[in-house]
Amino acid sequence: MLFEYTRRRGVRSPVTDAATFKVTRLKQASAQADKPVDLSHIIDRSYNYHSPRELRWHIAERFGLPPATVALQEAH
């Protein structure tokens, strides 16, 4: 499954001192490219993600999918 996300700046992690990001919008790509499905309500948009990989794992967990089947791309 392909998901597209829009990020916004988060805070510096107190654990790793790395920059984090929050997700503003999450969409699932559909068979019809002009009608993506907005799934922003499925995830916690206040969470500070450390990497796209962490976001991919959270999405996989939400949908009960193996993480390897989840693909992400950042919207610009």
N, C-alpha and C. Protein backbone atom coordinates (compact mmCIF):
# COMPACT_ATOMS: atom_id res chain seq x y z
N MET A 1 0.85 -1.17 0.00
CA MET A 1 0.00 0.00 0.00
C MET A 1 0.89 1.23 0.00
N LEU A 2 0.54 2.21 -0.81
CA LEU A 2 1.30 3.44 -0.91
C LEU A 2 0.59 4.56 -0.16
N PHE A 3 1.34 5.23 0.71
CA PHE A 3 0.82 6.35 1.47
C PHE A 3 1.67 7.58 1.19
N GLU A 4 1.01 8.72 1.18
CA GLU A 4 1.70 9.99 1.00
C GLU A 4 1.45 10.83 2.26
N TYR A 5 2.51 11.41 2.79
CA TYR A 5 2.36 12.20 4.00
C TYR A 5 2.93 13.60 3.81
N THR A 6 2.38 14.52 4.56
CA THR A 6 2.87 15.90 4.60
C THR A 6 3.39 16.13 6.00
N ARG A 7 4.64 16.54 6.09
CA ARG A 7 5.24 16.72 7.42
C ARG A 7 5.28 18.18 7.81
N ARG A 8 5.36 18.37 9.12
CA ARG A 8 5.65 19.68 9.68
C ARG A 8 6.69 19.49 10.76
N ARG A 9 7.40 20.53 11.06
CA ARG A 9 8.50 20.44 12.00
C ARG A 9 8.01 20.04 13.39
N GLY A 10 8.76 19.16 14.01
CA GLY A 10 8.49 18.75 15.39
C GLY A 10 9.49 19.43 16.31
N VAL A 11 9.89 18.74 17.32
CA VAL A 11 10.86 19.26 18.29
C VAL A 11 12.12 18.41 18.25
N ARG A 12 13.14 18.82 18.93
CA ARG A 12 14.34 17.99 19.07
C ARG A 12 14.04 16.91 20.09
N SER A 13 14.42 15.70 19.78
CA SER A 13 14.18 14.57 20.67
C SER A 13 15.06 14.71 21.91
N PRO A 14 14.47 14.59 23.10
CA PRO A 14 15.28 14.65 24.31
C PRO A 14 16.15 13.40 24.48
N VAL A 15 15.83 12.34 23.78
CA VAL A 15 16.58 11.09 23.88
C VAL A 15 17.77 11.06 22.91
N THR A 16 17.51 11.42 21.66
CA THR A 16 18.55 11.31 20.63
C THR A 16 19.11 12.66 20.19
N ASP A 17 18.49 13.74 20.61
CA ASP A 17 18.86 15.10 20.20
C ASP A 17 18.75 15.28 18.68
N ALA A 18 17.92 14.49 18.04
CA ALA A 18 17.70 14.59 16.60
C ALA A 18 16.40 15.35 16.34
N ALA A 19 16.32 15.95 15.17
CA ALA A 19 15.09 16.63 14.78
C ALA A 19 13.99 15.61 14.55
N THR A 20 12.78 15.96 14.90
CA THR A 20 11.62 15.09 14.67
C THR A 20 10.63 15.83 13.79
N PHE A 21 9.58 15.14 13.38
CA PHE A 21 8.53 15.78 12.58
C PHE A 21 7.18 15.22 12.99
N LYS A 22 6.15 16.01 12.71
CA LYS A 22 4.78 15.58 12.92
C LYS A 22 4.12 15.46 11.55
N VAL A 23 3.08 14.67 11.46
CA VAL A 23 2.37 14.47 10.20
C VAL A 23 1.16 15.39 10.17
N THR A 24 1.10 16.23 9.16
CA THR A 24 -0.04 17.12 8.98
C THR A 24 -1.17 16.38 8.28
N ARG A 25 -0.81 15.63 7.23
CA ARG A 25 -1.82 14.93 6.44
C ARG A 25 -1.27 13.59 5.97
N LEU A 26 -2.10 12.58 6.01
CA LEU A 26 -1.74 11.25 5.52
C LEU A 26 -2.81 10.83 4.52
N LYS A 27 -2.36 10.45 3.32
CA LYS A 27 -3.29 10.00 2.28
C LYS A 27 -2.85 8.64 1.77
N GLN A 28 -3.83 7.84 1.42
CA GLN A 28 -3.56 6.56 0.77
C GLN A 28 -3.75 6.76 -0.72
N ALA A 29 -2.75 6.39 -1.49
CA ALA A 29 -2.89 6.46 -2.94
C ALA A 29 -3.92 5.44 -3.37
N SER A 30 -4.75 5.82 -4.30
CA SER A 30 -5.80 4.91 -4.78
C SER A 30 -5.56 4.57 -6.24
N ALA A 31 -6.39 3.70 -6.74
CA ALA A 31 -6.29 3.32 -8.15
C ALA A 31 -6.54 4.55 -9.04
N GLN A 32 -7.36 5.44 -8.55
CA GLN A 32 -7.62 6.69 -9.27
C GLN A 32 -6.73 7.76 -8.66
N ALA A 33 -5.69 8.15 -9.35
CA ALA A 33 -4.70 9.09 -8.82
C ALA A 33 -5.30 10.43 -8.42
N ASP A 34 -6.44 10.80 -9.02
CA ASP A 34 -7.06 12.08 -8.69
C ASP A 34 -7.94 12.02 -7.44
N LYS A 35 -8.13 10.84 -6.86
CA LYS A 35 -8.98 10.71 -5.68
C LYS A 35 -8.26 9.95 -4.55
N PRO A 36 -7.20 10.55 -3.97
CA PRO A 36 -6.55 9.87 -2.85
C PRO A 36 -7.47 9.87 -1.63
N VAL A 37 -7.32 8.89 -0.77
CA VAL A 37 -8.15 8.76 0.41
C VAL A 37 -7.42 9.38 1.59
N ASP A 38 -8.04 10.37 2.24
CA ASP A 38 -7.44 11.04 3.39
C ASP A 38 -7.60 10.16 4.62
N LEU A 39 -6.47 9.79 5.21
CA LEU A 39 -6.47 8.93 6.40
C LEU A 39 -5.83 9.64 7.59
N SER A 40 -5.83 10.95 7.59
CA SER A 40 -5.18 11.72 8.65
C SER A 40 -5.73 11.39 10.04
N HIS A 41 -6.99 11.03 10.10
CA HIS A 41 -7.63 10.73 11.37
C HIS A 41 -7.18 9.38 11.96
N ILE A 42 -6.51 8.56 11.18
CA ILE A 42 -6.10 7.23 11.62
C ILE A 42 -4.89 7.28 12.55
N ILE A 43 -4.03 8.29 12.41
CA ILE A 43 -2.82 8.35 13.21
C ILE A 43 -2.88 9.52 14.18
N ASP A 44 -1.99 9.49 15.17
CA ASP A 44 -1.86 10.58 16.14
C ASP A 44 -0.98 11.66 15.50
N ARG A 45 -1.59 12.75 15.08
CA ARG A 45 -0.84 13.80 14.39
C ARG A 45 -0.03 14.67 15.34
N SER A 46 -0.15 14.45 16.64
CA SER A 46 0.66 15.21 17.60
C SER A 46 1.95 14.48 17.96
N TYR A 47 2.11 13.26 17.46
CA TYR A 47 3.29 12.45 17.78
C TYR A 47 4.51 12.97 17.01
N ASN A 48 5.66 13.00 17.65
CA ASN A 48 6.91 13.42 17.03
C ASN A 48 7.65 12.20 16.49
N TYR A 49 7.59 12.01 15.17
CA TYR A 49 8.28 10.89 14.53
C TYR A 49 9.75 11.21 14.35
N HIS A 50 10.58 10.21 14.54
CA HIS A 50 12.02 10.38 14.37
C HIS A 50 12.46 10.13 12.93
N SER A 51 11.67 9.38 12.18
CA SER A 51 12.06 9.04 10.81
C SER A 51 10.83 8.56 10.04
N PRO A 52 10.91 8.61 8.71
CA PRO A 52 9.83 8.03 7.90
C PRO A 52 9.67 6.53 8.18
N ARG A 53 10.77 5.88 8.52
CA ARG A 53 10.69 4.45 8.83
C ARG A 53 9.79 4.20 10.04
N GLU A 54 9.92 5.04 11.06
CA GLU A 54 9.06 4.91 12.24
C GLU A 54 7.60 5.14 11.87
N LEU A 55 7.34 6.12 11.02
CA LEU A 55 5.97 6.37 10.55
C LEU A 55 5.45 5.16 9.80
N ARG A 56 6.27 4.57 8.96
CA ARG A 56 5.86 3.38 8.19
C ARG A 56 5.46 2.25 9.14
N TRP A 57 6.22 2.05 10.21
CA TRP A 57 5.90 1.00 11.18
C TRP A 57 4.58 1.30 11.89
N HIS A 58 4.34 2.56 12.21
CA HIS A 58 3.08 2.92 12.88
C HIS A 58 1.89 2.69 11.95
N ILE A 59 2.03 3.05 10.69
CA ILE A 59 0.95 2.83 9.72
C ILE A 59 0.70 1.33 9.56
N ALA A 60 1.75 0.56 9.43
CA ALA A 60 1.61 -0.90 9.28
C ALA A 60 0.88 -1.48 10.49
N GLU A 61 1.23 -1.03 11.66
CA GLU A 61 0.58 -1.53 12.88
C GLU A 61 -0.91 -1.18 12.88
N ARG A 62 -1.24 0.05 12.49
CA ARG A 62 -2.64 0.48 12.44
C ARG A 62 -3.49 -0.38 11.52
N PHE A 63 -2.92 -0.75 10.38
CA PHE A 63 -3.67 -1.51 9.39
C PHE A 63 -3.45 -3.01 9.49
N GLY A 64 -2.63 -3.46 10.43
CA GLY A 64 -2.37 -4.88 10.58
C GLY A 64 -1.62 -5.47 9.40
N LEU A 65 -0.70 -4.69 8.85
CA LEU A 65 0.07 -5.11 7.67
C LEU A 65 1.53 -5.34 8.03
N PRO A 66 2.22 -6.18 7.29
CA PRO A 66 3.67 -6.27 7.47
C PRO A 66 4.30 -4.95 7.03
N PRO A 67 5.25 -4.41 7.78
CA PRO A 67 5.87 -3.14 7.42
C PRO A 67 6.44 -3.12 6.01
N ALA A 68 6.90 -4.25 5.52
CA ALA A 68 7.48 -4.31 4.18
C ALA A 68 6.46 -4.02 3.08
N THR A 69 5.18 -4.13 3.38
CA THR A 69 4.14 -3.89 2.37
C THR A 69 3.67 -2.44 2.34
N VAL A 70 4.20 -1.63 3.26
CA VAL A 70 3.82 -0.21 3.34
C VAL A 70 4.90 0.63 2.68
N ALA A 71 4.49 1.45 1.70
CA ALA A 71 5.41 2.36 1.03
C ALA A 71 5.00 3.79 1.34
N LEU A 72 5.99 4.65 1.56
CA LEU A 72 5.74 6.04 1.89
C LEU A 72 6.39 6.97 0.90
N GLN A 73 5.74 8.07 0.65
CA GLN A 73 6.40 9.15 -0.09
C GLN A 73 5.94 10.46 0.54
N GLU A 74 6.86 11.40 0.61
CA GLU A 74 6.56 12.69 1.20
C GLU A 74 6.00 13.62 0.13
N ALA A 75 4.90 14.31 0.47
CA ALA A 75 4.30 15.28 -0.45
C ALA A 75 5.07 16.59 -0.34
N HIS A 76 5.18 17.26 -1.45
CA HIS A 76 5.89 18.57 -1.43
C HIS A 76 4.99 19.66 -1.88
